[in-house]
Amino acid sequence: MQESIAVCLLKYFLYHNQDEEIKTILQQAVEISEGHIQQITVIFNMDLRSWSSAAGCSNRHRHRIAGSYRS
């Protein structure tokens, strides 16, 4: 969530900025933050089974992680 807010603020500053040197820095910061958001999205969209297996979770724990409390 912090990166999303950062992108919004950086774009706001970029829009209202009048200094060309600062504009370059702000553009780079926006690109970096957007890259972080893409990376975070990939991590959160990973297959639950592969993540929980990598974490050493049993089938019982996988269901709990997924929100289902079946044994």
N, C-alpha and C. Protein backbone atom coordinates (compact mmCIF):
# COMPACT_ATOMS: atom_id res chain seq x y z
N MET A 1 0.83 -1.18 0.00
CA MET A 1 0.00 0.00 0.00
C MET A 1 0.88 1.26 0.00
N GLN A 2 1.99 1.19 0.68
CA GLN A 2 2.87 2.34 0.75
C GLN A 2 3.40 2.72 -0.64
N GLU A 3 3.74 1.72 -1.45
CA GLU A 3 4.24 2.01 -2.79
C GLU A 3 3.16 2.65 -3.65
N SER A 4 1.91 2.21 -3.49
CA SER A 4 0.81 2.79 -4.26
C SER A 4 0.64 4.27 -3.93
N ILE A 5 0.73 4.57 -2.67
CA ILE A 5 0.62 5.97 -2.24
C ILE A 5 1.81 6.77 -2.77
N ALA A 6 2.99 6.15 -2.73
CA ALA A 6 4.19 6.83 -3.23
C ALA A 6 4.03 7.18 -4.70
N VAL A 7 3.49 6.25 -5.50
CA VAL A 7 3.30 6.53 -6.93
C VAL A 7 2.35 7.71 -7.11
N CYS A 8 1.27 7.73 -6.37
CA CYS A 8 0.30 8.84 -6.47
C CYS A 8 0.96 10.18 -6.12
N LEU A 9 1.69 10.20 -5.03
CA LEU A 9 2.35 11.44 -4.60
C LEU A 9 3.42 11.88 -5.60
N LEU A 10 4.21 10.92 -6.07
CA LEU A 10 5.26 11.26 -7.03
C LEU A 10 4.67 11.81 -8.33
N LYS A 11 3.58 11.22 -8.79
CA LYS A 11 2.93 11.72 -10.01
C LYS A 11 2.35 13.11 -9.79
N TYR A 12 1.84 13.35 -8.60
CA TYR A 12 1.34 14.69 -8.27
C TYR A 12 2.48 15.70 -8.32
N PHE A 13 3.59 15.36 -7.66
CA PHE A 13 4.75 16.25 -7.67
C PHE A 13 5.27 16.45 -9.09
N LEU A 14 5.28 15.39 -9.87
CA LEU A 14 5.75 15.46 -11.25
C LEU A 14 4.87 16.41 -12.07
N TYR A 15 3.57 16.33 -11.85
CA TYR A 15 2.63 17.18 -12.58
C TYR A 15 2.84 18.66 -12.24
N HIS A 16 3.11 18.96 -10.97
CA HIS A 16 3.22 20.34 -10.52
C HIS A 16 4.66 20.87 -10.52
N ASN A 17 5.60 20.02 -10.82
CA ASN A 17 7.01 20.40 -10.82
C ASN A 17 7.34 21.29 -12.03
N GLN A 18 8.25 22.24 -11.84
CA GLN A 18 8.68 23.08 -12.95
C GLN A 18 10.19 23.01 -13.18
N ASP A 19 10.89 22.29 -12.36
CA ASP A 19 12.34 22.15 -12.46
C ASP A 19 12.66 20.88 -13.25
N GLU A 20 13.37 21.03 -14.39
CA GLU A 20 13.67 19.90 -15.26
C GLU A 20 14.56 18.85 -14.59
N GLU A 21 15.48 19.29 -13.74
CA GLU A 21 16.36 18.34 -13.05
C GLU A 21 15.55 17.48 -12.08
N ILE A 22 14.64 18.12 -11.38
CA ILE A 22 13.80 17.41 -10.43
C ILE A 22 12.84 16.48 -11.18
N LYS A 23 12.38 16.92 -12.36
CA LYS A 23 11.47 16.11 -13.16
C LYS A 23 12.08 14.74 -13.49
N THR A 24 13.34 14.73 -13.86
CA THR A 24 14.04 13.48 -14.17
C THR A 24 14.08 12.56 -12.96
N ILE A 25 14.39 13.11 -11.82
CA ILE A 25 14.46 12.32 -10.59
C ILE A 25 13.08 11.77 -10.23
N LEU A 26 12.05 12.59 -10.35
CA LEU A 26 10.69 12.14 -10.04
C LEU A 26 10.23 11.04 -11.00
N GLN A 27 10.57 11.17 -12.28
CA GLN A 27 10.21 10.14 -13.25
C GLN A 27 10.88 8.80 -12.91
N GLN A 28 12.13 8.86 -12.52
CA GLN A 28 12.83 7.64 -12.12
C GLN A 28 12.20 7.03 -10.88
N ALA A 29 11.83 7.87 -9.94
CA ALA A 29 11.20 7.38 -8.70
C ALA A 29 9.85 6.71 -9.00
N VAL A 30 9.08 7.29 -9.92
CA VAL A 30 7.80 6.70 -10.31
C VAL A 30 8.04 5.32 -10.94
N GLU A 31 9.01 5.23 -11.83
CA GLU A 31 9.32 3.96 -12.49
C GLU A 31 9.75 2.90 -11.49
N ILE A 32 10.57 3.29 -10.53
CA ILE A 32 11.03 2.34 -9.50
C ILE A 32 9.86 1.87 -8.65
N SER A 33 9.02 2.80 -8.21
CA SER A 33 7.86 2.43 -7.38
C SER A 33 6.88 1.54 -8.15
N GLU A 34 6.65 1.85 -9.42
CA GLU A 34 5.75 1.03 -10.23
C GLU A 34 6.35 -0.37 -10.42
N GLY A 35 7.67 -0.46 -10.54
CA GLY A 35 8.34 -1.76 -10.63
C GLY A 35 8.16 -2.56 -9.35
N HIS A 36 8.25 -1.87 -8.22
CA HIS A 36 8.03 -2.55 -6.93
C HIS A 36 6.61 -3.09 -6.83
N ILE A 37 5.65 -2.32 -7.29
CA ILE A 37 4.25 -2.76 -7.25
C ILE A 37 4.07 -4.00 -8.13
N GLN A 38 4.70 -4.02 -9.30
CA GLN A 38 4.61 -5.20 -10.17
C GLN A 38 5.22 -6.42 -9.49
N GLN A 39 6.36 -6.24 -8.84
CA GLN A 39 7.01 -7.35 -8.16
C GLN A 39 6.15 -7.87 -7.00
N ILE A 40 5.57 -6.97 -6.24
CA ILE A 40 4.71 -7.34 -5.13
C ILE A 40 3.48 -8.09 -5.64
N THR A 41 2.92 -7.63 -6.76
CA THR A 41 1.75 -8.28 -7.35
C THR A 41 2.09 -9.72 -7.75
N VAL A 42 3.25 -9.92 -8.35
CA VAL A 42 3.67 -11.27 -8.74
C VAL A 42 3.78 -12.16 -7.50
N ILE A 43 4.36 -11.66 -6.45
CA ILE A 43 4.51 -12.44 -5.22
C ILE A 43 3.15 -12.82 -4.65
N PHE A 44 2.22 -11.88 -4.60
CA PHE A 44 0.90 -12.17 -4.04
C PHE A 44 0.07 -13.07 -4.93
N ASN A 45 0.38 -13.11 -6.22
CA ASN A 45 -0.38 -13.95 -7.13
C ASN A 45 0.25 -15.33 -7.34
N MET A 46 1.31 -15.63 -6.63
CA MET A 46 1.93 -16.94 -6.74
C MET A 46 0.93 -18.01 -6.33
N ASP A 47 1.08 -19.19 -6.93
CA ASP A 47 0.23 -20.31 -6.59
C ASP A 47 0.40 -20.63 -5.11
N LEU A 48 -0.69 -20.70 -4.38
CA LEU A 48 -0.66 -20.93 -2.94
C LEU A 48 0.05 -22.23 -2.60
N ARG A 49 -0.18 -23.27 -3.39
CA ARG A 49 0.43 -24.56 -3.09
C ARG A 49 1.95 -24.50 -3.19
N SER A 50 2.45 -23.85 -4.21
CA SER A 50 3.91 -23.78 -4.34
C SER A 50 4.50 -22.93 -3.23
N TRP A 51 3.81 -21.88 -2.83
CA TRP A 51 4.31 -21.04 -1.75
C TRP A 51 4.30 -21.79 -0.43
N SER A 52 3.17 -22.44 -0.13
CA SER A 52 3.07 -23.12 1.15
C SER A 52 3.99 -24.33 1.21
N SER A 53 4.21 -25.00 0.08
CA SER A 53 5.17 -26.12 0.05
C SER A 53 6.57 -25.61 0.32
N ALA A 54 6.90 -24.51 -0.30
CA ALA A 54 8.23 -23.92 -0.10
C ALA A 54 8.41 -23.49 1.35
N ALA A 55 7.32 -23.10 2.00
CA ALA A 55 7.38 -22.67 3.39
C ALA A 55 7.32 -23.86 4.35
N GLY A 56 7.13 -25.09 3.81
CA GLY A 56 7.09 -26.28 4.65
C GLY A 56 5.76 -26.50 5.34
N CYS A 57 4.67 -25.98 4.78
CA CYS A 57 3.36 -26.14 5.38
C CYS A 57 2.75 -27.48 4.98
N SER A 58 2.00 -28.07 5.88
CA SER A 58 1.28 -29.30 5.57
C SER A 58 -0.02 -28.95 4.86
N ASN A 59 -0.72 -29.98 4.36
CA ASN A 59 -2.02 -29.74 3.71
C ASN A 59 -2.98 -29.03 4.66
N ARG A 60 -2.97 -29.42 5.92
CA ARG A 60 -3.85 -28.79 6.91
C ARG A 60 -3.59 -27.29 7.00
N HIS A 61 -2.33 -26.90 7.02
CA HIS A 61 -1.97 -25.48 7.10
C HIS A 61 -2.32 -24.75 5.81
N ARG A 62 -2.20 -25.42 4.66
CA ARG A 62 -2.54 -24.78 3.39
C ARG A 62 -3.99 -24.34 3.39
N HIS A 63 -4.87 -25.18 3.92
CA HIS A 63 -6.28 -24.81 3.96
C HIS A 63 -6.50 -23.60 4.86
N ARG A 64 -5.78 -23.54 5.95
CA ARG A 64 -5.90 -22.39 6.85
C ARG A 64 -5.39 -21.13 6.19
N ILE A 65 -4.28 -21.25 5.47
CA ILE A 65 -3.74 -20.09 4.77
C ILE A 65 -4.72 -19.58 3.74
N ALA A 66 -5.40 -20.52 3.05
CA ALA A 66 -6.35 -20.16 2.00
C ALA A 66 -7.67 -19.66 2.56
N GLY A 67 -7.85 -19.73 3.87
CA GLY A 67 -9.08 -19.23 4.47
C GLY A 67 -10.10 -20.31 4.76
N SER A 68 -9.76 -21.56 4.48
CA SER A 68 -10.65 -22.68 4.74
C SER A 68 -10.08 -23.46 5.92
N TYR A 69 -10.86 -23.69 6.94
CA TYR A 69 -10.34 -24.32 8.16
C TYR A 69 -10.68 -25.81 8.20
N ARG A 70 -10.68 -26.46 7.03
CA ARG A 70 -10.88 -27.92 7.01
C ARG A 70 -9.60 -28.61 7.43
N SER A 71 -9.70 -29.78 8.00
CA SER A 71 -8.53 -30.57 8.38
C SER A 71 -8.08 -31.43 7.24
